[in-house]
Amino acid sequence: MQAHQFSAAYGLLSSKCKTVTTQQQMQNYWDLVEKNRGKVQSWTQQGFQVYSGTGGSSVNLGYALKCANGNSGVTFSCVEENGKWLIQGFNFSG
């Protein structure tokens, strides 16, 4: 996403996530971050949590984003689908 390769980034979404998020919506979220905080300069992983239950496993990844005009953050919730870890949901903050 930082390189504005939204088609490739959209390919990392799970099939469930794609039912509620279009590629254009994902790009709009990113554009809003850059509009409010400026161009992203770096990502730093801030957290990693693994959840396991009867419905399967999931992983939450948190990142701090250093931007030209301030900081932001993003959290990705990932699930395994067809042998690959894909993004089930994401949330931008700040």
C-alpha atoms as a PDB file:
ATOM      1  CA  MET A   1       0.000   0.000   0.000  1.00  0.00           C
ATOM      2  CA  GLN A   2       2.862   2.355   0.754  1.00  0.00           C
ATOM      3  CA  ALA A   3       3.976   1.973  -2.872  1.00  0.00           C
ATOM      4  CA  HIS A   4       0.367   2.513  -4.017  1.00  0.00           C
ATOM      5  CA  GLN A   5       0.171  -1.016  -5.438  1.00  0.00           C
ATOM      6  CA  PHE A   6      -3.449  -1.399  -4.380  1.00  0.00           C
ATOM      7  CA  SER A   7      -4.232  -4.294  -6.712  1.00  0.00           C
ATOM      8  CA  ALA A   8      -1.458  -6.394  -5.157  1.00  0.00           C
ATOM      9  CA  ALA A   9      -2.501  -5.331  -1.650  1.00  0.00           C
ATOM     10  CA  TYR A  10      -6.124  -6.220  -2.392  1.00  0.00           C
ATOM     11  CA  GLY A  11      -4.944  -9.689  -3.396  1.00  0.00           C
ATOM     12  CA  LEU A  12      -3.812 -10.202   0.217  1.00  0.00           C
ATOM     13  CA  LEU A  13      -7.387  -9.913   1.526  1.00  0.00           C
ATOM     14  CA  SER A  14      -9.351 -13.010   2.483  1.00  0.00           C
ATOM     15  CA  SER A  15     -12.451 -13.910   0.492  1.00  0.00           C
ATOM     16  CA  LYS A  16     -14.632 -12.830   3.452  1.00  0.00           C
ATOM     17  CA  CYS A  17     -12.920  -9.440   3.666  1.00  0.00           C
ATOM     18  CA  LYS A  18     -13.425  -8.919  -0.070  1.00  0.00           C
ATOM     19  CA  THR A  19     -17.187  -9.328   0.391  1.00  0.00           C
ATOM     20  CA  VAL A  20     -17.295  -6.186   2.552  1.00  0.00           C
ATOM     21  CA  THR A  21     -14.355  -4.149   1.191  1.00  0.00           C
ATOM     22  CA  THR A  22     -13.707  -3.158  -2.396  1.00  0.00           C
ATOM     23  CA  GLN A  23     -10.271  -2.308  -3.738  1.00  0.00           C
ATOM     24  CA  GLN A  24     -11.427   1.302  -4.103  1.00  0.00           C
ATOM     25  CA  GLN A  25     -12.512   1.448  -0.438  1.00  0.00           C
ATOM     26  CA  MET A  26      -9.134   0.085   0.644  1.00  0.00           C
ATOM     27  CA  GLN A  27      -7.399   2.731  -1.468  1.00  0.00           C
ATOM     28  CA  ASN A  28      -9.674   5.416   0.015  1.00  0.00           C
ATOM     29  CA  TYR A  29      -8.621   4.395   3.560  1.00  0.00           C
ATOM     30  CA  TRP A  30      -4.968   4.731   2.576  1.00  0.00           C
ATOM     31  CA  ASP A  31      -5.572   8.055   0.805  1.00  0.00           C
ATOM     32  CA  LEU A  32      -7.224   9.370   3.968  1.00  0.00           C
ATOM     33  CA  VAL A  33      -4.193   8.413   6.076  1.00  0.00           C
ATOM     34  CA  GLU A  34      -1.877  10.216   3.639  1.00  0.00           C
ATOM     35  CA  LYS A  35      -4.193  13.238   3.458  1.00  0.00           C
ATOM     36  CA  ASN A  36      -4.366  13.556   7.250  1.00  0.00           C
ATOM     37  CA  ARG A  37      -0.807  12.529   8.177  1.00  0.00           C
ATOM     38  CA  GLY A  38       1.271  12.913   5.040  1.00  0.00           C
ATOM     39  CA  LYS A  39       3.210  10.286   3.155  1.00  0.00           C
ATOM     40  CA  VAL A  40       4.137   7.222   5.197  1.00  0.00           C
ATOM     41  CA  GLN A  41       7.873   7.124   5.841  1.00  0.00           C
ATOM     42  CA  SER A  42       8.182   3.903   7.849  1.00  0.00           C
ATOM     43  CA  TRP A  43       6.300   1.018   9.454  1.00  0.00           C
ATOM     44  CA  THR A  44       7.243  -0.457  12.835  1.00  0.00           C
ATOM     45  CA  GLN A  45       5.607  -3.589  14.153  1.00  0.00           C
ATOM     46  CA  GLN A  46       3.978  -2.845  17.498  1.00  0.00           C
ATOM     47  CA  GLY A  47       2.202  -6.057  18.357  1.00  0.00           C
ATOM     48  CA  PHE A  48       1.580  -9.655  17.456  1.00  0.00           C
ATOM     49  CA  GLN A  49      -1.203 -11.762  18.960  1.00  0.00           C
ATOM     50  CA  VAL A  50      -2.223 -15.305  18.059  1.00  0.00           C
ATOM     51  CA  TYR A  51      -5.718 -16.587  18.774  1.00  0.00           C
ATOM     52  CA  SER A  52      -6.740 -20.219  18.566  1.00  0.00           C
ATOM     53  CA  GLY A  53     -10.194 -21.667  19.004  1.00  0.00           C
ATOM     54  CA  THR A  54     -12.761 -24.059  17.629  1.00  0.00           C
ATOM     55  CA  GLY A  55     -13.261 -21.784  14.613  1.00  0.00           C
ATOM     56  CA  GLY A  56      -9.563 -21.874  13.734  1.00  0.00           C
ATOM     57  CA  SER A  57      -6.622 -19.583  14.338  1.00  0.00           C
ATOM     58  CA  SER A  58      -6.113 -15.912  13.682  1.00  0.00           C
ATOM     59  CA  VAL A  59      -3.261 -13.460  14.085  1.00  0.00           C
ATOM     60  CA  ASN A  60      -3.470  -9.752  14.843  1.00  0.00           C
ATOM     61  CA  LEU A  61      -0.579  -7.582  13.694  1.00  0.00           C
ATOM     62  CA  GLY A  62      -0.234  -3.968  14.826  1.00  0.00           C
ATOM     63  CA  TYR A  63       1.997  -1.386  13.166  1.00  0.00           C
ATOM     64  CA  ALA A  64       2.952   2.180  14.013  1.00  0.00           C
ATOM     65  CA  LEU A  65       3.218   4.361  10.930  1.00  0.00           C
ATOM     66  CA  LYS A  66       5.643   7.273  10.927  1.00  0.00           C
ATOM     67  CA  CYS A  67       4.230   9.840   8.528  1.00  0.00           C
ATOM     68  CA  ALA A  68       5.479  13.186   7.229  1.00  0.00           C
ATOM     69  CA  ASN A  69       2.972  15.158   9.350  1.00  0.00           C
ATOM     70  CA  GLY A  70       2.496  12.920  12.380  1.00  0.00           C
ATOM     71  CA  ASN A  71       1.937   9.319  13.283  1.00  0.00           C
ATOM     72  CA  SER A  72      -0.794   6.829  12.600  1.00  0.00           C
ATOM     73  CA  GLY A  73      -1.365   3.140  13.116  1.00  0.00           C
ATOM     74  CA  VAL A  74      -2.852   0.111  11.456  1.00  0.00           C
ATOM     75  CA  THR A  75      -3.968  -3.264  12.761  1.00  0.00           C
ATOM     76  CA  PHE A  76      -4.425  -6.303  10.537  1.00  0.00           C
ATOM     77  CA  SER A  77      -6.420  -9.351  11.549  1.00  0.00           C
ATOM     78  CA  CYS A  78      -5.228 -12.367   9.545  1.00  0.00           C
ATOM     79  CA  VAL A  79      -6.663 -15.844   8.986  1.00  0.00           C
ATOM     80  CA  GLU A  80      -5.440 -18.889   7.136  1.00  0.00           C
ATOM     81  CA  GLU A  81      -7.261 -19.530   3.876  1.00  0.00           C
ATOM     82  CA  ASN A  82      -6.255 -22.154   1.324  1.00  0.00           C
ATOM     83  CA  GLY A  83      -2.838 -22.584   2.946  1.00  0.00           C
ATOM     84  CA  LYS A  84      -2.038 -18.832   2.998  1.00  0.00           C
ATOM     85  CA  TRP A  85      -2.351 -16.180   5.687  1.00  0.00           C
ATOM     86  CA  LEU A  86      -4.639 -13.438   4.403  1.00  0.00           C
ATOM     87  CA  ILE A  87      -6.062 -10.250   5.872  1.00  0.00           C
ATOM     88  CA  GLN A  88      -9.531 -10.739   7.338  1.00  0.00           C
ATOM     89  CA  GLY A  89      -9.872  -7.126   8.436  1.00  0.00           C
ATOM     90  CA  PHE A  90      -7.885  -3.942   8.987  1.00  0.00           C
ATOM     91  CA  ASN A  91      -8.241  -0.760  10.954  1.00  0.00           C
ATOM     92  CA  PHE A  92      -6.385   2.515  10.484  1.00  0.00           C
ATOM     93  CA  SER A  93      -6.123   4.861  13.462  1.00  0.00           C
ATOM     94  CA  GLY A  94      -4.825   8.311  14.097  1.00  0.00           C
END
